[in-house]
Amino acid sequence: MAEPNILLTRIDNRLIHGQVATQWTSTIGANLILVANDNVASNQMRQKLMDMAAPQGVATRYFSVQKTIDVIHKAAARQHIFLIVENPEDALRLVKGGVPIKKLNIGNMHMSEGKRQVATSVAVNDEDVAAFRALQDAGVELSIQRVPSTPVEPTSKLFE
């Protein structure tokens, strides 16, 4: 089985939206945006809304985390995949399930109750921090960056 051509995996609680669809997809050269999210996988309305934000000529797929684990190794070599998840726990589930994620871009994790702001657009709680540690331990390279044109922020902020 060939390894899937995952160009970048990104955590963004908004999943597909303007910045992701335009800047990241064109910068990395993706022709497929794969959203691994249990809720969106069964929500046609959200899928249609996200399809409107996807660049023309870029395919979209909406799979549950488990379906992503089950089918990612069947991806064709011509599929240049931009994988998007909502949170670090889902990214960790993918890695534990055998999805070959080498780099994880931490984009947007909005502030909510029980979270603390650690970077420009990243707020974490203890569960998030534990997932990031486990991802690092699994050999995944973490980076915090909102869009390709903004500087990369130090990942040490996640663990402070």
Protein backbone atom coordinates (compact mmCIF):
# COMPACT_ATOMS: atom_id res chain seq x y z
CA MET A 1 0.00 0.00 0.00
CA ALA A 2 1.38 3.37 -1.00
CA GLU A 3 1.56 6.13 1.55
CA PRO A 4 -1.07 8.84 1.00
CA ASN A 5 0.23 12.16 -0.27
CA ILE A 6 -0.71 14.32 2.73
CA LEU A 7 0.85 17.73 2.10
CA LEU A 8 -0.29 19.32 5.34
CA THR A 9 -2.57 18.56 8.27
CA ARG A 10 -4.15 21.58 9.96
CA ILE A 11 -6.15 22.10 13.11
CA ASP A 12 -8.80 24.72 12.51
CA ASN A 13 -12.04 24.71 14.43
CA ARG A 14 -13.69 26.48 11.48
CA LEU A 15 -12.54 23.67 9.14
CA ILE A 16 -12.87 24.99 5.55
CA HIS A 17 -13.24 28.77 5.34
CA GLY A 18 -11.81 31.64 3.28
CA GLN A 19 -8.22 31.62 4.57
CA VAL A 20 -7.87 27.85 4.47
CA ALA A 21 -9.50 27.51 1.10
CA THR A 22 -7.50 30.20 -0.66
CA GLN A 23 -4.14 30.78 1.00
CA TRP A 24 -3.19 27.39 2.41
CA THR A 25 -4.52 25.28 -0.45
CA SER A 26 -2.67 27.28 -3.11
CA THR A 27 0.53 27.60 -1.03
CA ILE A 28 0.87 23.86 -0.49
CA GLY A 29 -0.49 22.86 -3.92
CA ALA A 30 -3.37 20.69 -2.70
CA ASN A 31 -6.02 19.39 -5.08
CA LEU A 32 -8.08 17.69 -2.36
CA ILE A 33 -9.27 19.07 0.98
CA LEU A 34 -10.20 16.23 3.32
CA VAL A 35 -12.10 17.21 6.46
CA ALA A 36 -11.88 14.51 9.13
CA ASN A 37 -14.71 15.36 11.50
CA ASP A 38 -17.40 13.15 12.98
CA ASN A 39 -20.09 15.87 13.04
CA VAL A 40 -19.50 17.29 9.57
CA ALA A 41 -19.32 13.81 8.00
CA SER A 42 -23.08 13.50 8.49
CA ASN A 43 -24.10 17.15 8.09
CA GLN A 44 -24.93 17.89 4.44
CA MET A 45 -25.71 21.55 5.14
CA ARG A 46 -22.27 22.26 6.65
CA GLN A 47 -20.63 20.36 3.80
CA LYS A 48 -22.44 22.49 1.21
CA LEU A 49 -21.41 25.69 3.01
CA MET A 50 -17.77 24.58 3.13
CA ASP A 51 -17.88 23.52 -0.53
CA MET A 52 -18.71 27.14 -1.38
CA ALA A 53 -15.47 28.26 0.31
CA ALA A 54 -13.29 25.67 -1.44
CA PRO A 55 -11.31 26.94 -4.42
CA GLN A 56 -12.49 25.97 -7.87
CA GLY A 57 -10.78 22.82 -9.08
CA VAL A 58 -10.09 21.54 -5.56
CA ALA A 59 -12.10 18.48 -4.50
CA THR A 60 -13.54 18.14 -1.01
CA ARG A 61 -14.27 15.07 1.09
CA TYR A 62 -15.95 14.92 4.47
CA PHE A 63 -15.18 11.76 6.44
CA SER A 64 -15.52 10.76 10.06
CA VAL A 65 -12.21 10.33 11.85
CA GLN A 66 -12.60 6.55 11.72
CA LYS A 67 -13.48 6.52 8.00
CA THR A 68 -10.41 8.66 7.34
CA ILE A 69 -8.28 6.07 9.16
CA ASP A 70 -9.97 3.29 7.18
CA VAL A 71 -9.62 4.80 3.68
CA ILE A 72 -6.66 7.23 3.66
CA HIS A 73 -4.24 4.55 2.47
CA LYS A 74 -6.43 3.99 -0.61
CA ALA A 75 -5.79 7.56 -1.81
CA ALA A 76 -4.40 7.81 -5.30
CA ALA A 77 -0.90 9.24 -5.79
CA ARG A 78 -2.43 12.09 -7.83
CA GLN A 79 -4.37 13.24 -4.77
CA HIS A 80 -2.41 16.00 -3.05
CA ILE A 81 -4.20 16.06 0.29
CA PHE A 82 -4.78 18.95 2.66
CA LEU A 83 -6.16 17.25 5.78
CA ILE A 84 -8.15 19.41 8.20
CA VAL A 85 -9.29 18.48 11.71
CA GLU A 86 -11.12 20.46 14.34
CA ASN A 87 -8.92 19.77 17.37
CA PRO A 88 -5.71 18.08 18.53
CA GLU A 89 -7.61 15.11 19.95
CA ASP A 90 -8.89 14.21 16.45
CA ALA A 91 -5.37 14.63 15.04
CA LEU A 92 -4.09 12.24 17.71
CA ARG A 93 -6.85 9.71 16.90
CA LEU A 94 -5.73 9.82 13.25
CA VAL A 95 -2.06 9.29 14.16
CA LYS A 96 -2.91 6.43 16.53
CA GLY A 97 -5.03 4.94 13.74
CA GLY A 98 -2.07 4.85 11.37
CA VAL A 99 -2.58 8.01 9.34
CA PRO A 100 0.94 9.20 8.41
CA ILE A 101 0.85 12.77 9.70
CA LYS A 102 4.34 14.23 9.73
CA LYS A 103 3.55 17.93 10.16
CA LEU A 104 0.65 19.49 12.03
CA ASN A 105 -0.20 23.14 11.50
CA ILE A 106 -2.08 24.61 14.44
CA GLY A 107 -4.27 27.31 12.98
CA ASN A 108 -7.38 28.31 14.86
CA MET A 109 -8.49 27.03 18.22
CA HIS A 110 -10.97 29.58 19.53
CA MET A 111 -11.19 30.73 23.10
CA SER A 112 -13.96 29.11 25.12
CA GLU A 113 -14.71 28.31 28.72
CA GLY A 114 -11.87 26.42 30.38
CA LYS A 115 -9.30 27.39 27.73
CA ARG A 116 -6.37 29.79 27.94
CA GLN A 117 -5.00 31.88 25.09
CA VAL A 118 -1.44 30.77 24.23
CA ALA A 119 -0.91 32.22 20.75
CA THR A 120 -2.52 34.72 18.40
CA SER A 121 -5.35 32.41 17.38
CA VAL A 122 -4.82 29.41 19.67
CA ALA A 123 -6.51 28.71 23.00
CA VAL A 124 -5.96 25.38 24.76
CA ASN A 125 -7.14 23.39 27.74
CA ASP A 126 -5.31 20.59 29.55
CA GLU A 127 -6.73 17.91 27.22
CA ASP A 128 -5.43 19.81 24.18
CA VAL A 129 -1.98 20.13 25.75
CA ALA A 130 -1.91 16.40 26.54
CA ALA A 131 -2.85 15.62 22.92
CA PHE A 132 -0.11 17.93 21.60
CA ARG A 133 2.46 16.22 23.86
CA ALA A 134 1.33 12.80 22.60
CA LEU A 135 1.54 14.00 19.00
CA GLN A 136 5.08 15.27 19.57
CA ASP A 137 5.99 11.98 21.24
CA ALA A 138 4.69 10.20 18.12
CA GLY A 139 7.12 12.23 16.00
CA VAL A 140 4.67 14.78 14.59
CA GLU A 141 6.24 18.19 13.94
CA LEU A 142 4.00 20.94 15.35
CA SER A 143 3.82 24.53 14.11
CA ILE A 144 1.54 27.43 14.98
CA GLN A 145 0.71 29.63 11.99
CA ARG A 146 -2.56 31.32 11.06
CA VAL A 147 -1.86 31.79 7.36
CA PRO A 148 1.23 31.21 5.19
CA SER A 149 2.08 34.93 5.16
CA THR A 150 2.24 35.28 8.96
CA PRO A 151 5.24 34.26 11.04
CA VAL A 152 5.37 30.84 12.68
CA GLU A 153 4.86 31.20 16.43
CA PRO A 154 6.90 29.12 18.92
CA THR A 155 5.19 25.86 19.84
CA SER A 156 6.65 26.15 23.34
CA LYS A 157 3.67 28.47 23.99
CA LEU A 158 1.43 25.40 23.95
CA PHE A 159 3.15 23.92 26.98
CA GLU A 160 3.63 26.98 29.19
